[in-house]
Amino acid sequence: MTASSEIGTAPKRGVLHVLTGRPERPYANPYTAGALLGIVLFLSFFITGNGLGASGGLNRMIVFVEDLIVPAHIDRTPYLIEMAGGVRNALDSWVVFVAFGALVGGFASGWFNGRLKAETKKGPRISVRTRWATAFIGGAIMGYGARFARGCTSGQALSGGATLSVGSWALMMCIFASAYALAYFVRRLWT
């Protein structure tokens, strides 16, 4: 067989295969991953003076779009005017870069470790549609709660917990307690 005939029979690799065709690698050791997360959190405080969190960045992205569509509403709402009122740009905040970096980093990690694929994790007793509906409802509740509590679980648990904020510790205890209390009622989603 000649080299030219071997080249002609090579399988074609499309963009989707390049993104999803990597071999799956094992998960990192949780103690190593936790230590690395602690180092990242320390460096975040040391370099920027701020901790980690994502809900504030996502909130600012939504306010940015809202300001493009209905700027008068932004200028009349005290909560929103602090982020994007007048000539302020809602994206001009460190937390936007943290949220964007988490999205890009998660995508890169999924690709590098061979876990980048479209799938819906669910229990055998529910449909994909039900799983998506419950994920949307749960995400909406957690998103509202994150803004109400002035921070998401990563901001409260990591940054607030690291600074020994009593409010952050109390919130995280409430989140875990409510998760355990609710787990019995939503167990069919997983078992």
N, C-alpha and C. Protein backbone atom coordinates (compact mmCIF):
# COMPACT_ATOMS: atom_id res chain seq x y z
N MET A 1 0.85 -1.18 0.00
CA MET A 1 0.00 0.00 0.00
C MET A 1 0.89 1.24 0.00
N THR A 2 0.57 2.17 -0.82
CA THR A 2 1.38 3.38 -0.92
C THR A 2 0.91 4.43 0.06
N ALA A 3 1.76 5.41 0.27
CA ALA A 3 1.43 6.50 1.21
C ALA A 3 0.23 7.29 0.71
N SER A 4 0.10 7.46 -0.59
CA SER A 4 -1.00 8.25 -1.11
C SER A 4 -2.34 7.56 -0.89
N SER A 5 -2.37 6.22 -0.96
CA SER A 5 -3.64 5.53 -0.74
C SER A 5 -4.02 5.53 0.74
N GLU A 6 -3.01 5.53 1.63
CA GLU A 6 -3.31 5.60 3.06
C GLU A 6 -3.90 6.96 3.42
N ILE A 7 -3.41 8.01 2.81
CA ILE A 7 -3.93 9.35 3.08
C ILE A 7 -5.37 9.45 2.61
N GLY A 8 -5.69 8.86 1.49
CA GLY A 8 -7.04 8.92 0.96
C GLY A 8 -8.06 8.19 1.80
N THR A 9 -7.64 7.21 2.62
CA THR A 9 -8.58 6.44 3.44
C THR A 9 -8.65 6.94 4.88
N ALA A 10 -7.91 7.98 5.20
CA ALA A 10 -7.93 8.48 6.58
C ALA A 10 -9.33 9.02 6.90
N PRO A 11 -9.83 8.75 8.13
CA PRO A 11 -11.16 9.26 8.50
C PRO A 11 -11.17 10.78 8.57
N LYS A 12 -12.27 11.36 8.16
CA LYS A 12 -12.40 12.81 8.22
C LYS A 12 -12.72 13.24 9.64
N ARG A 13 -12.10 14.31 10.07
CA ARG A 13 -12.33 14.83 11.41
C ARG A 13 -13.01 16.19 11.30
N GLY A 14 -14.23 16.27 11.74
CA GLY A 14 -14.97 17.53 11.73
C GLY A 14 -14.75 18.29 13.02
N VAL A 15 -15.33 19.47 13.11
CA VAL A 15 -15.20 20.31 14.29
C VAL A 15 -15.77 19.61 15.52
N LEU A 16 -16.93 18.96 15.35
CA LEU A 16 -17.55 18.27 16.48
C LEU A 16 -16.66 17.15 17.01
N HIS A 17 -16.01 16.42 16.11
CA HIS A 17 -15.13 15.34 16.56
C HIS A 17 -13.91 15.90 17.29
N VAL A 18 -13.39 17.02 16.81
CA VAL A 18 -12.24 17.65 17.48
C VAL A 18 -12.62 18.07 18.88
N LEU A 19 -13.86 18.57 19.06
CA LEU A 19 -14.30 19.02 20.38
C LEU A 19 -14.65 17.87 21.31
N THR A 20 -15.24 16.80 20.77
CA THR A 20 -15.75 15.73 21.63
C THR A 20 -14.99 14.42 21.50
N GLY A 21 -14.01 14.33 20.63
CA GLY A 21 -13.36 13.05 20.36
C GLY A 21 -12.15 12.72 21.21
N ARG A 22 -11.90 13.48 22.26
CA ARG A 22 -10.74 13.20 23.11
C ARG A 22 -11.05 12.06 24.06
N PRO A 23 -10.04 11.26 24.43
CA PRO A 23 -10.30 10.19 25.40
C PRO A 23 -10.59 10.76 26.79
N GLU A 24 -11.52 10.14 27.48
CA GLU A 24 -11.90 10.62 28.81
C GLU A 24 -10.82 10.29 29.83
N ARG A 25 -10.43 11.29 30.60
CA ARG A 25 -9.41 11.12 31.64
C ARG A 25 -10.09 11.03 33.00
N PRO A 26 -9.44 10.40 33.96
CA PRO A 26 -10.06 10.30 35.29
C PRO A 26 -10.13 11.66 35.98
N TYR A 27 -11.06 11.77 36.93
CA TYR A 27 -11.20 13.00 37.70
C TYR A 27 -9.97 13.22 38.56
N ALA A 28 -9.71 14.46 38.90
CA ALA A 28 -8.59 14.80 39.77
C ALA A 28 -8.86 14.31 41.18
N ASN A 29 -7.80 14.07 41.91
CA ASN A 29 -7.92 13.71 43.32
C ASN A 29 -8.60 14.87 44.03
N PRO A 30 -9.66 14.60 44.82
CA PRO A 30 -10.40 15.71 45.44
C PRO A 30 -9.56 16.53 46.41
N TYR A 31 -8.60 15.93 47.06
CA TYR A 31 -7.75 16.69 47.98
C TYR A 31 -6.81 17.61 47.20
N THR A 32 -6.29 17.13 46.09
CA THR A 32 -5.44 17.97 45.24
C THR A 32 -6.25 19.11 44.65
N ALA A 33 -7.46 18.79 44.14
CA ALA A 33 -8.32 19.83 43.56
C ALA A 33 -8.71 20.86 44.62
N GLY A 34 -9.01 20.42 45.84
CA GLY A 34 -9.35 21.35 46.92
C GLY A 34 -8.19 22.25 47.27
N ALA A 35 -6.98 21.68 47.32
CA ALA A 35 -5.80 22.49 47.62
C ALA A 35 -5.55 23.52 46.51
N LEU A 36 -5.73 23.11 45.26
CA LEU A 36 -5.57 24.04 44.14
C LEU A 36 -6.62 25.15 44.18
N LEU A 37 -7.85 24.80 44.53
CA LEU A 37 -8.91 25.81 44.66
C LEU A 37 -8.56 26.79 45.77
N GLY A 38 -8.02 26.29 46.87
CA GLY A 38 -7.59 27.18 47.96
C GLY A 38 -6.50 28.14 47.52
N ILE A 39 -5.57 27.66 46.70
CA ILE A 39 -4.51 28.52 46.18
C ILE A 39 -5.09 29.59 45.26
N VAL A 40 -6.03 29.18 44.40
CA VAL A 40 -6.68 30.15 43.51
C VAL A 40 -7.43 31.20 44.32
N LEU A 41 -8.14 30.78 45.36
CA LEU A 41 -8.88 31.72 46.21
C LEU A 41 -7.92 32.69 46.89
N PHE A 42 -6.81 32.16 47.43
CA PHE A 42 -5.82 33.03 48.07
C PHE A 42 -5.26 34.03 47.08
N LEU A 43 -4.89 33.56 45.89
CA LEU A 43 -4.34 34.46 44.88
C LEU A 43 -5.37 35.51 44.44
N SER A 44 -6.63 35.12 44.39
CA SER A 44 -7.68 36.06 44.04
C SER A 44 -7.74 37.19 45.07
N PHE A 45 -7.74 36.84 46.34
CA PHE A 45 -7.73 37.87 47.39
C PHE A 45 -6.45 38.70 47.34
N PHE A 46 -5.32 38.03 47.16
CA PHE A 46 -4.01 38.69 47.20
C PHE A 46 -3.83 39.66 46.04
N ILE A 47 -4.20 39.22 44.83
CA ILE A 47 -3.94 40.02 43.63
C ILE A 47 -5.01 41.08 43.42
N THR A 48 -6.28 40.72 43.57
CA THR A 48 -7.35 41.66 43.22
C THR A 48 -8.03 42.29 44.43
N GLY A 49 -7.85 41.70 45.60
CA GLY A 49 -8.54 42.19 46.78
C GLY A 49 -9.97 41.68 46.88
N ASN A 50 -10.37 40.82 45.96
CA ASN A 50 -11.72 40.25 45.93
C ASN A 50 -11.64 38.73 45.93
N GLY A 51 -12.71 38.11 46.39
CA GLY A 51 -12.77 36.65 46.38
C GLY A 51 -13.35 36.12 45.09
N LEU A 52 -13.91 34.92 45.17
CA LEU A 52 -14.52 34.27 44.01
C LEU A 52 -16.03 34.31 44.13
N GLY A 53 -16.71 34.29 43.03
CA GLY A 53 -18.16 34.27 42.98
C GLY A 53 -18.60 34.43 41.53
N ALA A 54 -19.80 33.98 41.21
CA ALA A 54 -20.24 34.04 39.82
C ALA A 54 -21.57 34.74 39.62
N SER A 55 -22.45 34.69 40.61
CA SER A 55 -23.80 35.22 40.40
C SER A 55 -23.78 36.72 40.13
N GLY A 56 -22.89 37.44 40.74
CA GLY A 56 -22.80 38.88 40.49
C GLY A 56 -22.40 39.17 39.05
N GLY A 57 -21.51 38.37 38.49
CA GLY A 57 -21.10 38.55 37.10
C GLY A 57 -22.22 38.24 36.13
N LEU A 58 -22.93 37.15 36.38
CA LEU A 58 -24.06 36.80 35.53
C LEU A 58 -25.16 37.86 35.65
N ASN A 59 -25.38 38.36 36.85
CA ASN A 59 -26.36 39.41 37.07
C ASN A 59 -25.99 40.66 36.26
N ARG A 60 -24.73 41.02 36.28
CA ARG A 60 -24.28 42.20 35.54
C ARG A 60 -24.42 41.99 34.03
N MET A 61 -24.21 40.77 33.54
CA MET A 61 -24.40 40.51 32.12
C MET A 61 -25.87 40.70 31.72
N ILE A 62 -26.78 40.25 32.58
CA ILE A 62 -28.21 40.43 32.32
C ILE A 62 -28.57 41.91 32.35
N VAL A 63 -28.03 42.65 33.32
CA VAL A 63 -28.32 44.08 33.42
C VAL A 63 -27.76 44.82 32.20
N PHE A 64 -26.62 44.37 31.69
CA PHE A 64 -26.05 44.99 30.49
C PHE A 64 -27.02 44.86 29.31
N VAL A 65 -27.57 43.66 29.11
CA VAL A 65 -28.53 43.44 28.02
C VAL A 65 -29.80 44.26 28.27
N GLU A 66 -30.26 44.26 29.52
CA GLU A 66 -31.45 45.03 29.87
C GLU A 66 -31.24 46.52 29.60
N ASP A 67 -30.03 47.02 29.87
CA ASP A 67 -29.72 48.42 29.64
C ASP A 67 -29.74 48.76 28.15
N LEU A 68 -29.42 47.80 27.30
CA LEU A 68 -29.49 48.02 25.86
C LEU A 68 -30.94 48.13 25.38
N ILE A 69 -31.83 47.37 26.03
CA ILE A 69 -33.23 47.30 25.59
C ILE A 69 -34.08 48.39 26.24
N VAL A 70 -33.99 48.54 27.56
CA VAL A 70 -34.83 49.51 28.28
C VAL A 70 -33.97 50.33 29.26
N PRO A 71 -33.16 51.24 28.75
CA PRO A 71 -32.27 52.00 29.64
C PRO A 71 -33.03 52.87 30.63
N ALA A 72 -34.21 53.32 30.28
CA ALA A 72 -34.97 54.17 31.22
C ALA A 72 -35.34 53.39 32.48
N HIS A 73 -35.63 52.10 32.33
CA HIS A 73 -35.95 51.27 33.49
C HIS A 73 -34.74 51.16 34.42
N ILE A 74 -33.57 50.99 33.84
CA ILE A 74 -32.34 50.90 34.63
C ILE A 74 -32.14 52.20 35.41
N ASP A 75 -32.36 53.31 34.75
CA ASP A 75 -32.14 54.61 35.39
C ASP A 75 -33.16 54.94 36.47
N ARG A 76 -34.28 54.21 36.52
CA ARG A 76 -35.31 54.45 37.55
C ARG A 76 -35.24 53.46 38.71
N THR A 77 -34.47 52.39 38.58
CA THR A 77 -34.45 51.33 39.59
C THR A 77 -33.18 51.47 40.44
N PRO A 78 -33.31 51.77 41.73
CA PRO A 78 -32.13 51.99 42.57
C PRO A 78 -31.14 50.82 42.57
N TYR A 79 -31.64 49.59 42.60
CA TYR A 79 -30.75 48.42 42.61
C TYR A 79 -29.93 48.34 41.32
N LEU A 80 -30.55 48.67 40.19
CA LEU A 80 -29.89 48.54 38.90
C LEU A 80 -29.04 49.75 38.54
N ILE A 81 -29.42 50.93 39.03
CA ILE A 81 -28.69 52.15 38.66
C ILE A 81 -27.25 52.12 39.16
N GLU A 82 -27.00 51.40 40.25
CA GLU A 82 -25.64 51.28 40.77
C GLU A 82 -24.73 50.51 39.81
N MET A 83 -25.33 49.62 39.01
CA MET A 83 -24.55 48.81 38.08
C MET A 83 -24.43 49.44 36.70
N ALA A 84 -25.54 50.03 36.21
CA ALA A 84 -25.54 50.46 34.81
C ALA A 84 -26.26 51.78 34.58
N GLY A 85 -26.53 52.52 35.61
CA GLY A 85 -27.26 53.77 35.43
C GLY A 85 -26.42 54.82 34.72
N GLY A 86 -27.10 55.66 33.94
CA GLY A 86 -26.41 56.75 33.23
C GLY A 86 -25.42 56.21 32.22
N VAL A 87 -24.15 56.63 32.36
CA VAL A 87 -23.12 56.21 31.41
C VAL A 87 -22.32 55.00 31.93
N ARG A 88 -22.70 54.45 33.07
CA ARG A 88 -21.99 53.28 33.61
C ARG A 88 -22.19 52.07 32.72
N ASN A 89 -21.14 51.27 32.64
CA ASN A 89 -21.18 50.01 31.89
C ASN A 89 -21.29 48.88 32.90
N ALA A 90 -22.35 48.09 32.81
CA ALA A 90 -22.56 46.98 33.76
C ALA A 90 -21.44 45.95 33.70
N LEU A 91 -20.76 45.86 32.57
CA LEU A 91 -19.70 44.86 32.42
C LEU A 91 -18.36 45.32 33.00
N ASP A 92 -18.30 46.54 33.50
CA ASP A 92 -17.07 47.09 34.05
C ASP A 92 -16.93 46.70 35.52
N SER A 93 -16.69 45.42 35.75
CA SER A 93 -16.54 44.90 37.11
C SER A 93 -15.69 43.64 37.08
N TRP A 94 -14.92 43.45 38.10
CA TRP A 94 -14.07 42.27 38.19
C TRP A 94 -14.89 40.98 38.18
N VAL A 95 -16.09 40.99 38.76
CA VAL A 95 -16.88 39.77 38.89
C VAL A 95 -17.37 39.27 37.53
N VAL A 96 -17.50 40.15 36.55
CA VAL A 96 -17.86 39.73 35.19
C VAL A 96 -16.75 38.86 34.61
N PHE A 97 -15.52 39.26 34.84
CA PHE A 97 -14.39 38.49 34.33
C PHE A 97 -14.26 37.15 35.04
N VAL A 98 -14.60 37.11 36.32
CA VAL A 98 -14.58 35.83 37.05
C VAL A 98 -15.64 34.89 36.47
N ALA A 99 -16.85 35.39 36.24
CA ALA A 99 -17.92 34.55 35.68
C ALA A 99 -17.56 34.08 34.27
N PHE A 100 -17.05 34.98 33.45
CA PHE A 100 -16.64 34.61 32.09
C PHE A 100 -15.50 33.59 32.14
N GLY A 101 -14.55 33.80 33.03
CA GLY A 101 -13.44 32.87 33.17
C GLY A 101 -13.89 31.49 33.63
N ALA A 102 -14.91 31.44 34.49
CA ALA A 102 -15.45 30.15 34.93
C ALA A 102 -16.08 29.41 33.76
N LEU A 103 -16.80 30.12 32.90
CA LEU A 103 -17.40 29.48 31.72
C LEU A 103 -16.33 28.98 30.75
N VAL A 104 -15.36 29.80 30.46
CA VAL A 104 -14.29 29.42 29.53
C VAL A 104 -13.44 28.31 30.14
N GLY A 105 -13.12 28.44 31.43
CA GLY A 105 -12.32 27.42 32.10
C GLY A 105 -13.03 26.08 32.18
N GLY A 106 -14.34 26.10 32.45
CA GLY A 106 -15.10 24.85 32.48
C GLY A 106 -15.14 24.18 31.12
N PHE A 107 -15.32 24.97 30.07
CA PHE A 107 -15.32 24.44 28.72
C PHE A 107 -13.95 23.84 28.39
N ALA A 108 -12.88 24.58 28.70
CA ALA A 108 -11.52 24.11 28.41
C ALA A 108 -11.20 22.83 29.20
N SER A 109 -11.60 22.78 30.46
CA SER A 109 -11.37 21.59 31.27
C SER A 109 -12.13 20.40 30.73
N GLY A 110 -13.40 20.61 30.33
CA GLY A 110 -14.19 19.54 29.75
C GLY A 110 -13.55 19.01 28.48
N TRP A 111 -13.05 19.91 27.63
CA TRP A 111 -12.41 19.48 26.39
C TRP A 111 -11.11 18.75 26.68
N PHE A 112 -10.27 19.33 27.54
CA PHE A 112 -8.96 18.74 27.83
C PHE A 112 -9.09 17.35 28.44
N ASN A 113 -10.10 17.14 29.28
CA ASN A 113 -10.27 15.86 29.97
C ASN A 113 -11.24 14.91 29.28
N GLY A 114 -11.69 15.24 28.07
CA GLY A 114 -12.54 14.34 27.29
C GLY A 114 -13.96 14.22 27.82
N ARG A 115 -14.45 15.23 28.48
CA ARG A 115 -15.82 15.18 29.02
C ARG A 115 -16.75 16.18 28.36
N LEU A 116 -16.33 16.75 27.25
CA LEU A 116 -17.15 17.73 26.55
C LEU A 116 -18.13 16.99 25.65
N LYS A 117 -19.37 16.90 26.11
CA LYS A 117 -20.40 16.22 25.33
C LYS A 117 -21.76 16.74 25.76
N ALA A 118 -22.71 16.63 24.86
CA ALA A 118 -24.08 17.04 25.16
C ALA A 118 -24.84 15.84 25.70
N GLU A 119 -25.22 15.92 26.96
CA GLU A 119 -25.97 14.83 27.57
C GLU A 119 -26.80 15.38 28.72
N THR A 120 -27.81 14.64 29.10
CA THR A 120 -28.66 15.02 30.22
C THR A 120 -28.56 13.92 31.26
N LYS A 121 -27.98 14.22 32.40
CA LYS A 121 -27.87 13.27 33.50
C LYS A 121 -29.20 13.25 34.24
N LYS A 122 -29.77 12.07 34.40
CA LYS A 122 -31.07 11.94 35.06
C LYS A 122 -31.23 10.53 35.58
N GLY A 123 -32.24 10.36 36.42
CA GLY A 123 -32.57 9.04 36.90
C GLY A 123 -33.38 8.27 35.86
N PRO A 124 -33.53 6.96 36.04
CA PRO A 124 -34.24 6.15 35.04
C PRO A 124 -35.75 6.33 35.04
N ARG A 125 -36.32 6.95 36.06
CA ARG A 125 -37.77 7.05 36.17
C ARG A 125 -38.36 8.35 35.63
N ILE A 126 -37.55 9.26 35.15
CA ILE A 126 -38.09 10.53 34.65
C ILE A 126 -37.65 10.76 33.22
N SER A 127 -38.36 11.62 32.55
CA SER A 127 -38.03 11.95 31.16
C SER A 127 -36.99 13.06 31.12
N VAL A 128 -36.40 13.23 29.97
CA VAL A 128 -35.43 14.31 29.77
C VAL A 128 -36.13 15.66 29.95
N ARG A 129 -37.35 15.77 29.43
CA ARG A 129 -38.11 17.03 29.55
C ARG A 129 -38.33 17.38 31.03
N THR A 130 -38.71 16.39 31.85
CA THR A 130 -38.92 16.64 33.28
C THR A 130 -37.62 17.05 33.95
N ARG A 131 -36.53 16.41 33.57
CA ARG A 131 -35.23 16.74 34.17
C ARG A 131 -34.85 18.18 33.84
N TRP A 132 -35.06 18.59 32.60
CA TRP A 132 -34.75 19.96 32.20
C TRP A 132 -35.65 20.95 32.92
N ALA A 133 -36.93 20.61 33.06
CA ALA A 133 -37.87 21.51 33.75
C ALA A 133 -37.47 21.68 35.22
N THR A 134 -37.13 20.58 35.89
CA THR A 134 -36.73 20.69 37.30
C THR A 134 -35.40 21.42 37.44
N ALA A 135 -34.49 21.23 36.49
CA ALA A 135 -33.22 21.96 36.53
C ALA A 135 -33.45 23.46 36.36
N PHE A 136 -34.35 23.83 35.46
CA PHE A 136 -34.66 25.24 35.24
C PHE A 136 -35.31 25.85 36.49
N ILE A 137 -36.26 25.15 37.06
CA ILE A 137 -36.94 25.65 38.27
C ILE A 137 -35.95 25.79 39.42
N GLY A 138 -35.15 24.76 39.64
CA GLY A 138 -34.15 24.82 40.71
C GLY A 138 -33.13 25.92 40.48
N GLY A 139 -32.70 26.09 39.22
CA GLY A 139 -31.75 27.15 38.90
C GLY A 139 -32.34 28.53 39.12
N ALA A 140 -33.62 28.69 38.77
CA ALA A 140 -34.28 29.99 38.99
C ALA A 140 -34.38 30.30 40.47
N ILE A 141 -34.73 29.30 41.27
CA ILE A 141 -34.82 29.51 42.72
C ILE A 141 -33.45 29.85 43.30
N MET A 142 -32.42 29.11 42.90
CA MET A 142 -31.08 29.39 43.41
C MET A 142 -30.57 30.74 42.92
N GLY A 143 -30.89 31.11 41.68
CA GLY A 143 -30.47 32.42 41.15
C GLY A 143 -31.12 33.55 41.93
N TYR A 144 -32.42 33.44 42.19
CA TYR A 144 -33.11 34.45 42.98
C TYR A 144 -32.53 34.49 44.40
N GLY A 145 -32.32 33.32 44.97
CA GLY A 145 -31.76 33.24 46.31
C GLY A 145 -30.36 33.83 46.39
N ALA A 146 -29.57 33.62 45.33
CA ALA A 146 -28.21 34.17 45.32
C ALA A 146 -28.22 35.69 45.34
N ARG A 147 -29.13 36.29 44.59
CA ARG A 147 -29.22 37.76 44.59
C ARG A 147 -29.80 38.25 45.91
N PHE A 148 -30.77 37.52 46.45
CA PHE A 148 -31.38 37.89 47.72
C PHE A 148 -30.37 37.80 48.86
N ALA A 149 -29.50 36.79 48.81
CA ALA A 149 -28.49 36.57 49.85
C ALA A 149 -27.21 37.36 49.60
N ARG A 150 -27.17 38.10 48.52
CA ARG A 150 -26.00 38.91 48.14
C ARG A 150 -24.79 38.06 47.82
N GLY A 151 -25.05 36.91 47.18
CA GLY A 151 -23.94 36.08 46.72
C GLY A 151 -24.37 34.65 46.50
N CYS A 152 -23.72 34.01 45.55
CA CYS A 152 -24.02 32.61 45.23
C CYS A 152 -23.26 31.69 46.19
N THR A 153 -23.45 30.41 46.01
CA THR A 153 -22.80 29.46 46.91
C THR A 153 -21.28 29.55 46.82
N SER A 154 -20.74 29.80 45.63
CA SER A 154 -19.27 29.91 45.55
C SER A 154 -18.78 31.17 46.24
N GLY A 155 -19.49 32.27 46.06
CA GLY A 155 -19.09 33.51 46.72
C GLY A 155 -19.27 33.43 48.22
N GLN A 156 -20.38 32.86 48.66
CA GLN A 156 -20.65 32.77 50.10
C GLN A 156 -19.77 31.72 50.77
N ALA A 157 -19.72 30.51 50.20
CA ALA A 157 -18.98 29.43 50.84
C ALA A 157 -17.47 29.63 50.74
N LEU A 158 -16.99 29.97 49.55
CA LEU A 158 -15.54 30.11 49.39
C LEU A 158 -15.04 31.43 49.95
N SER A 159 -15.51 32.52 49.38
CA SER A 159 -14.98 33.82 49.78
C SER A 159 -15.45 34.22 51.18
N GLY A 160 -16.77 34.12 51.43
CA GLY A 160 -17.28 34.47 52.76
C GLY A 160 -16.79 33.52 53.83
N GLY A 161 -16.77 32.23 53.52
CA GLY A 161 -16.29 31.25 54.49
C GLY A 161 -14.82 31.42 54.82
N ALA A 162 -14.03 31.76 53.79
CA ALA A 162 -12.59 31.96 54.00
C ALA A 162 -12.30 33.17 54.87
N THR A 163 -13.18 34.16 54.83
CA THR A 163 -12.99 35.36 55.66
C THR A 163 -13.75 35.25 56.98
N LEU A 164 -14.30 34.05 57.25
CA LEU A 164 -15.03 33.74 58.48
C LEU A 164 -16.24 34.64 58.69
N SER A 165 -16.93 34.96 57.59
CA SER A 165 -18.14 35.75 57.67
C SER A 165 -19.26 34.91 58.29
N VAL A 166 -19.82 35.38 59.39
CA VAL A 166 -20.88 34.63 60.08
C VAL A 166 -22.09 34.46 59.17
N GLY A 167 -22.44 35.50 58.41
CA GLY A 167 -23.57 35.42 57.49
C GLY A 167 -23.37 34.37 56.43
N SER A 168 -22.15 34.26 55.91
CA SER A 168 -21.86 33.24 54.89
C SER A 168 -21.96 31.84 55.47
N TRP A 169 -21.43 31.65 56.65
CA TRP A 169 -21.52 30.33 57.28
C TRP A 169 -22.98 29.96 57.58
N ALA A 170 -23.76 30.94 58.06
CA ALA A 170 -25.18 30.68 58.35
C ALA A 170 -25.93 30.33 57.07
N LEU A 171 -25.68 31.07 55.99
CA LEU A 171 -26.34 30.79 54.72
C LEU A 171 -26.00 29.39 54.21
N MET A 172 -24.74 29.02 54.27
CA MET A 172 -24.35 27.70 53.77
C MET A 172 -24.97 26.58 54.61
N MET A 173 -25.08 26.77 55.91
CA MET A 173 -25.74 25.77 56.75
C MET A 173 -27.21 25.65 56.35
N CYS A 174 -27.85 26.78 56.06
CA CYS A 174 -29.26 26.76 55.63
C CYS A 174 -29.41 26.08 54.28
N ILE A 175 -28.47 26.32 53.36
CA ILE A 175 -28.54 25.67 52.04
C ILE A 175 -28.40 24.17 52.19
N PHE A 176 -27.44 23.71 52.97
CA PHE A 176 -27.26 22.26 53.15
C PHE A 176 -28.45 21.64 53.88
N ALA A 177 -28.96 22.31 54.91
CA ALA A 177 -30.12 21.78 55.63
C ALA A 177 -31.34 21.68 54.72
N SER A 178 -31.59 22.70 53.91
CA SER A 178 -32.74 22.65 53.02
C SER A 178 -32.54 21.61 51.92
N ALA A 179 -31.32 21.40 51.47
CA ALA A 179 -31.05 20.37 50.47
C ALA A 179 -31.33 18.98 51.04
N TYR A 180 -30.89 18.73 52.26
CA TYR A 180 -31.17 17.43 52.88
C TYR A 180 -32.67 17.25 53.12
N ALA A 181 -33.36 18.31 53.53
CA ALA A 181 -34.80 18.22 53.78
C ALA A 181 -35.58 17.97 52.49
N LEU A 182 -35.13 18.54 51.39
CA LEU A 182 -35.82 18.40 50.11
C LEU A 182 -35.44 17.12 49.37
N ALA A 183 -34.30 16.53 49.69
CA ALA A 183 -33.79 15.37 48.95
C ALA A 183 -34.79 14.21 48.90
N TYR A 184 -35.49 13.97 49.99
CA TYR A 184 -36.45 12.86 50.02
C TYR A 184 -37.54 13.05 48.96
N PHE A 185 -37.99 14.27 48.77
CA PHE A 185 -39.10 14.55 47.87
C PHE A 185 -38.71 14.55 46.40
N VAL A 186 -37.44 14.76 46.10
CA VAL A 186 -37.00 14.78 44.70
C VAL A 186 -36.11 13.58 44.36
N ARG A 187 -36.11 12.57 45.18
CA ARG A 187 -35.23 11.42 44.97
C ARG A 187 -35.52 10.67 43.68
N ARG A 188 -36.78 10.73 43.20
CA ARG A 188 -37.12 10.03 41.95
C ARG A 188 -36.41 10.62 40.74
N LEU A 189 -35.89 11.85 40.86
CA LEU A 189 -35.14 12.43 39.76
C LEU A 189 -33.82 11.69 39.53
N TRP A 190 -33.36 10.97 40.55
CA TRP A 190 -32.04 10.33 40.46
C TRP A 190 -32.07 8.83 40.64
N THR A 191 -33.04 8.28 41.35
CA THR A 191 -33.03 6.83 41.62
C THR A 191 -34.03 6.07 40.80
